[in-house]
Amino acid sequence: MPAQHSHPTDEPTVTIRHREYDAAKTLLMQGSSVLLVGGVGSGKSFLSDQLLTSLTAGGFSVVKVRGLYDRTPTQWAAVAAAFGVVIPPELDNRQIETLFNEQIIQTRGSSERRIVLLIDDALRLDYCSAEWINRLARESAAPILASVDFALETRADDRSEVAQIFRALWTDGIAERIDLSRLDDSATLRLADTFGEENTLDLASQ
């Protein structure tokens, strides 16, 4: 099962990106997928964290899938880590997909809670994880909120294929794209104050 997120009773205090926050939240509440597109220092991770807080407060189950920093990531590793699942080596790709589809059903539970997949550093996903997430979004099984930096796309590894998956979600009208420009110095300082000193370094890596 994925890590359980707390369920605060109050909306987060959004100190930057107010319009983008409101737009993304409205879309996700309606069951639409969202791509937060921006480079280093644009506040993608901050906005994702604020939306996670808001969605869990609203009764959503949020599954957080993190990008991988391995040069040659193991296929299915990102999704397996998100659900805390060890994949039996004898399973083929179709069986593995069925395994994670069942994880979605278990996460939703008997109460049919709404689910959102929050994807951090989407272009760093392994290809199989990205393709499974793509199918969930296209089949309306679960909307996604994905942080994307298309500047990471290269021809040297499978990021170009993963980038094509997420770009097609936008061009095919499956996901709405919200572009984030780089924050100015004043907004960056407010963001650092919000994150706290222990997370300030994250601003340079997201």
Protein backbone atom coordinates (compact mmCIF):
# COMPACT_ATOMS: atom_id res chain seq x y z
CA MET A 1 0.00 0.00 0.00
CA PRO A 2 1.21 3.54 -0.66
CA ALA A 3 2.40 5.74 2.17
CA GLN A 4 -0.50 7.25 4.07
CA HIS A 5 -0.65 11.04 4.02
CA SER A 6 -2.10 13.02 6.90
CA HIS A 7 -5.52 14.61 6.56
CA PRO A 8 -5.31 18.19 7.82
CA THR A 9 -8.55 20.05 8.35
CA ASP A 10 -7.38 23.43 7.01
CA GLU A 11 -6.42 24.62 3.57
CA PRO A 12 -2.68 25.28 3.15
CA THR A 13 -1.43 28.86 3.17
CA VAL A 14 -0.36 29.51 -0.42
CA THR A 15 2.16 32.35 -0.47
CA ILE A 16 3.01 32.14 -4.19
CA ARG A 17 1.43 30.79 -7.38
CA HIS A 18 -2.12 31.60 -6.23
CA ARG A 19 -3.68 31.49 -9.71
CA GLU A 20 -1.90 28.29 -10.67
CA TYR A 21 -2.87 26.66 -7.37
CA ASP A 22 -6.55 27.53 -7.83
CA ALA A 23 -6.55 26.36 -11.46
CA ALA A 24 -4.85 23.05 -10.70
CA LYS A 25 -7.04 22.31 -7.70
CA THR A 26 -10.23 22.99 -9.66
CA LEU A 27 -9.14 20.68 -12.47
CA LEU A 28 -8.14 17.86 -10.12
CA MET A 29 -11.39 18.15 -8.15
CA GLN A 30 -13.19 17.73 -11.47
CA GLY A 31 -11.22 14.56 -12.23
CA SER A 32 -8.92 16.11 -14.84
CA SER A 33 -5.17 15.51 -15.03
CA VAL A 34 -2.67 18.35 -14.73
CA LEU A 35 0.92 18.88 -15.87
CA LEU A 36 2.93 21.47 -13.94
CA VAL A 37 5.60 22.44 -16.46
CA GLY A 38 8.65 24.47 -15.48
CA GLY A 39 12.38 24.43 -14.94
CA VAL A 40 14.60 24.68 -11.90
CA GLY A 41 13.37 27.31 -9.46
CA SER A 42 9.81 27.53 -10.80
CA GLY A 43 8.18 26.19 -7.62
CA LYS A 44 6.78 22.94 -9.03
CA SER A 45 7.51 20.91 -5.91
CA PHE A 46 6.09 23.59 -3.62
CA LEU A 47 2.88 23.78 -5.61
CA SER A 48 2.56 19.99 -5.69
CA ASP A 49 3.00 19.78 -1.92
CA GLN A 50 0.34 22.43 -1.34
CA LEU A 51 -2.07 20.61 -3.63
CA LEU A 52 -1.34 17.31 -1.85
CA THR A 53 -2.26 18.94 1.47
CA SER A 54 -5.46 20.36 0.01
CA LEU A 55 -6.51 17.12 -1.69
CA THR A 56 -5.95 14.95 1.37
CA ALA A 57 -7.93 17.47 3.43
CA GLY A 58 -10.70 17.09 0.87
CA GLY A 59 -10.86 13.32 1.29
CA PHE A 60 -8.73 12.20 -1.65
CA SER A 61 -6.26 9.34 -1.46
CA VAL A 62 -3.02 10.66 -2.93
CA VAL A 63 -0.38 8.23 -4.19
CA LYS A 64 2.98 9.98 -4.56
CA VAL A 65 5.28 8.58 -7.24
CA ARG A 66 8.82 9.94 -7.27
CA GLY A 67 11.18 10.14 -10.23
CA LEU A 68 14.34 8.05 -10.11
CA TYR A 69 17.89 9.34 -10.22
CA ASP A 70 19.45 6.15 -11.54
CA ARG A 71 21.09 6.49 -14.94
CA THR A 72 19.44 3.26 -16.08
CA PRO A 73 16.43 2.79 -13.76
CA THR A 74 14.88 -0.62 -13.24
CA GLN A 75 11.57 -0.92 -15.04
CA TRP A 76 8.53 -0.52 -12.76
CA ALA A 77 10.80 0.72 -9.93
CA ALA A 78 9.05 4.09 -9.44
CA VAL A 79 5.56 2.64 -9.08
CA ALA A 80 6.79 -0.27 -6.97
CA ALA A 81 8.41 2.18 -4.54
CA ALA A 82 5.24 4.30 -4.38
CA PHE A 83 3.12 1.30 -3.35
CA GLY A 84 5.81 -0.40 -1.26
CA VAL A 85 5.56 -3.52 -3.41
CA VAL A 86 8.26 -6.08 -4.21
CA ILE A 87 7.58 -7.43 -7.70
CA PRO A 88 7.98 -11.22 -7.99
CA PRO A 89 10.65 -11.88 -10.66
CA GLU A 90 8.51 -14.43 -12.49
CA LEU A 91 5.83 -11.88 -13.46
CA ASP A 92 5.70 -10.51 -16.99
CA ASN A 93 4.70 -6.91 -17.79
CA ARG A 94 1.02 -7.72 -18.20
CA GLN A 95 0.91 -9.44 -14.82
CA ILE A 96 2.80 -6.57 -13.20
CA GLU A 97 0.30 -4.10 -14.63
CA THR A 98 -2.54 -6.18 -13.18
CA LEU A 99 -0.75 -6.16 -9.82
CA PHE A 100 -0.65 -2.37 -9.73
CA ASN A 101 -4.21 -2.03 -11.01
CA GLU A 102 -5.21 -4.09 -7.97
CA GLN A 103 -3.21 -1.69 -5.78
CA ILE A 104 -5.33 1.17 -7.13
CA ILE A 105 -8.50 -0.75 -6.28
CA GLN A 106 -7.24 -1.44 -2.74
CA THR A 107 -6.25 2.20 -2.25
CA ARG A 108 -9.70 3.35 -3.37
CA GLY A 109 -11.28 0.91 -0.91
CA SER A 110 -14.90 -0.04 -0.41
CA SER A 111 -15.88 3.60 0.05
CA GLU A 112 -14.76 4.36 -3.52
CA ARG A 113 -12.56 7.26 -2.40
CA ARG A 114 -11.23 9.45 -5.14
CA ILE A 115 -7.57 8.93 -6.02
CA VAL A 116 -4.95 11.25 -7.46
CA LEU A 117 -1.48 10.17 -8.52
CA LEU A 118 1.07 12.89 -7.73
CA ILE A 119 4.15 12.47 -9.92
CA ASP A 120 7.31 14.28 -8.81
CA ASP A 121 10.02 14.73 -11.48
CA ALA A 122 7.97 12.88 -14.09
CA LEU A 123 10.74 12.68 -16.71
CA ARG A 124 12.85 10.71 -14.26
CA LEU A 125 10.34 7.84 -14.19
CA ASP A 126 11.26 4.51 -15.68
CA TYR A 127 9.41 3.85 -18.94
CA CYS A 128 7.06 1.10 -17.65
CA SER A 129 5.93 3.21 -14.69
CA ALA A 130 5.33 6.18 -16.99
CA GLU A 131 3.34 4.10 -19.47
CA TRP A 132 1.16 2.60 -16.72
CA ILE A 133 0.43 6.07 -15.34
CA ASN A 134 -0.37 7.19 -18.88
CA ARG A 135 -2.98 4.45 -19.24
CA LEU A 136 -4.58 5.32 -15.90
CA ALA A 137 -4.98 8.93 -17.00
CA ARG A 138 -6.32 8.02 -20.44
CA GLU A 139 -8.81 5.52 -19.06
CA SER A 140 -9.94 7.99 -16.37
CA ALA A 141 -9.00 5.45 -13.71
CA ALA A 142 -7.16 8.13 -11.74
CA PRO A 143 -6.21 11.72 -12.58
CA ILE A 144 -2.56 12.65 -12.29
CA LEU A 145 -0.72 15.74 -11.12
CA ALA A 146 2.73 15.58 -12.71
CA SER A 147 5.69 17.94 -12.32
CA VAL A 148 7.51 18.09 -15.65
CA ASP A 149 10.74 19.78 -16.73
CA PHE A 150 11.03 19.17 -20.46
CA ALA A 151 14.58 20.58 -20.32
CA LEU A 152 15.60 17.18 -18.87
CA GLU A 153 14.66 15.47 -22.11
CA THR A 154 17.71 13.94 -23.80
CA ARG A 155 18.44 11.44 -26.54
CA ALA A 156 20.95 9.61 -24.36
CA ASP A 157 18.46 7.55 -22.37
CA ASP A 158 14.75 6.72 -22.19
CA ARG A 159 13.77 10.19 -20.93
CA SER A 160 12.87 11.18 -24.49
CA GLU A 161 10.31 8.35 -24.59
CA VAL A 162 8.96 9.29 -21.17
CA ALA A 163 8.79 12.94 -22.26
CA GLN A 164 6.76 11.91 -25.30
CA ILE A 165 4.28 10.11 -23.03
CA PHE A 166 3.63 13.18 -20.90
CA ARG A 167 3.69 15.61 -23.83
CA ALA A 168 1.07 13.47 -25.60
CA LEU A 169 -1.21 13.62 -22.55
CA TRP A 170 -1.32 17.37 -23.12
CA THR A 171 -1.50 17.42 -26.93
CA ASP A 172 -4.22 14.74 -26.93
CA GLY A 173 -6.31 16.78 -24.50
CA ILE A 174 -6.05 14.29 -21.64
CA ALA A 175 -4.18 16.63 -19.28
CA GLU A 176 -4.22 20.39 -18.85
CA ARG A 177 -0.83 22.09 -18.94
CA ILE A 178 0.04 24.84 -16.46
CA ASP A 179 3.32 26.59 -17.30
CA LEU A 180 5.41 27.97 -14.45
CA SER A 181 8.04 30.60 -15.14
CA ARG A 182 11.10 30.91 -12.92
CA LEU A 183 10.32 32.67 -9.64
CA ASP A 184 11.77 36.11 -9.00
CA ASP A 185 14.04 36.71 -5.99
CA SER A 186 11.23 37.94 -3.75
CA ALA A 187 9.03 34.89 -4.42
CA THR A 188 12.03 32.57 -3.98
CA LEU A 189 12.67 34.01 -0.51
CA ARG A 190 9.02 33.54 0.45
CA LEU A 191 9.19 29.99 -0.81
CA ALA A 192 12.34 29.31 1.23
CA ASP A 193 10.62 30.69 4.34
CA THR A 194 7.65 28.41 3.73
CA PHE A 195 9.75 25.28 3.20
CA GLY A 196 12.09 25.96 6.13
CA GLU A 197 15.84 25.74 6.19
CA GLU A 198 15.97 21.95 6.02
CA ASN A 199 14.23 21.95 2.64
CA THR A 200 15.76 25.04 1.08
CA LEU A 201 18.25 23.02 -0.94
CA ASP A 202 15.37 21.29 -2.65
CA LEU A 203 14.61 24.49 -4.51
CA ALA A 204 17.69 24.00 -6.63
CA SER A 205 16.94 20.41 -7.49
CA GLN A 206 13.29 20.53 -8.52
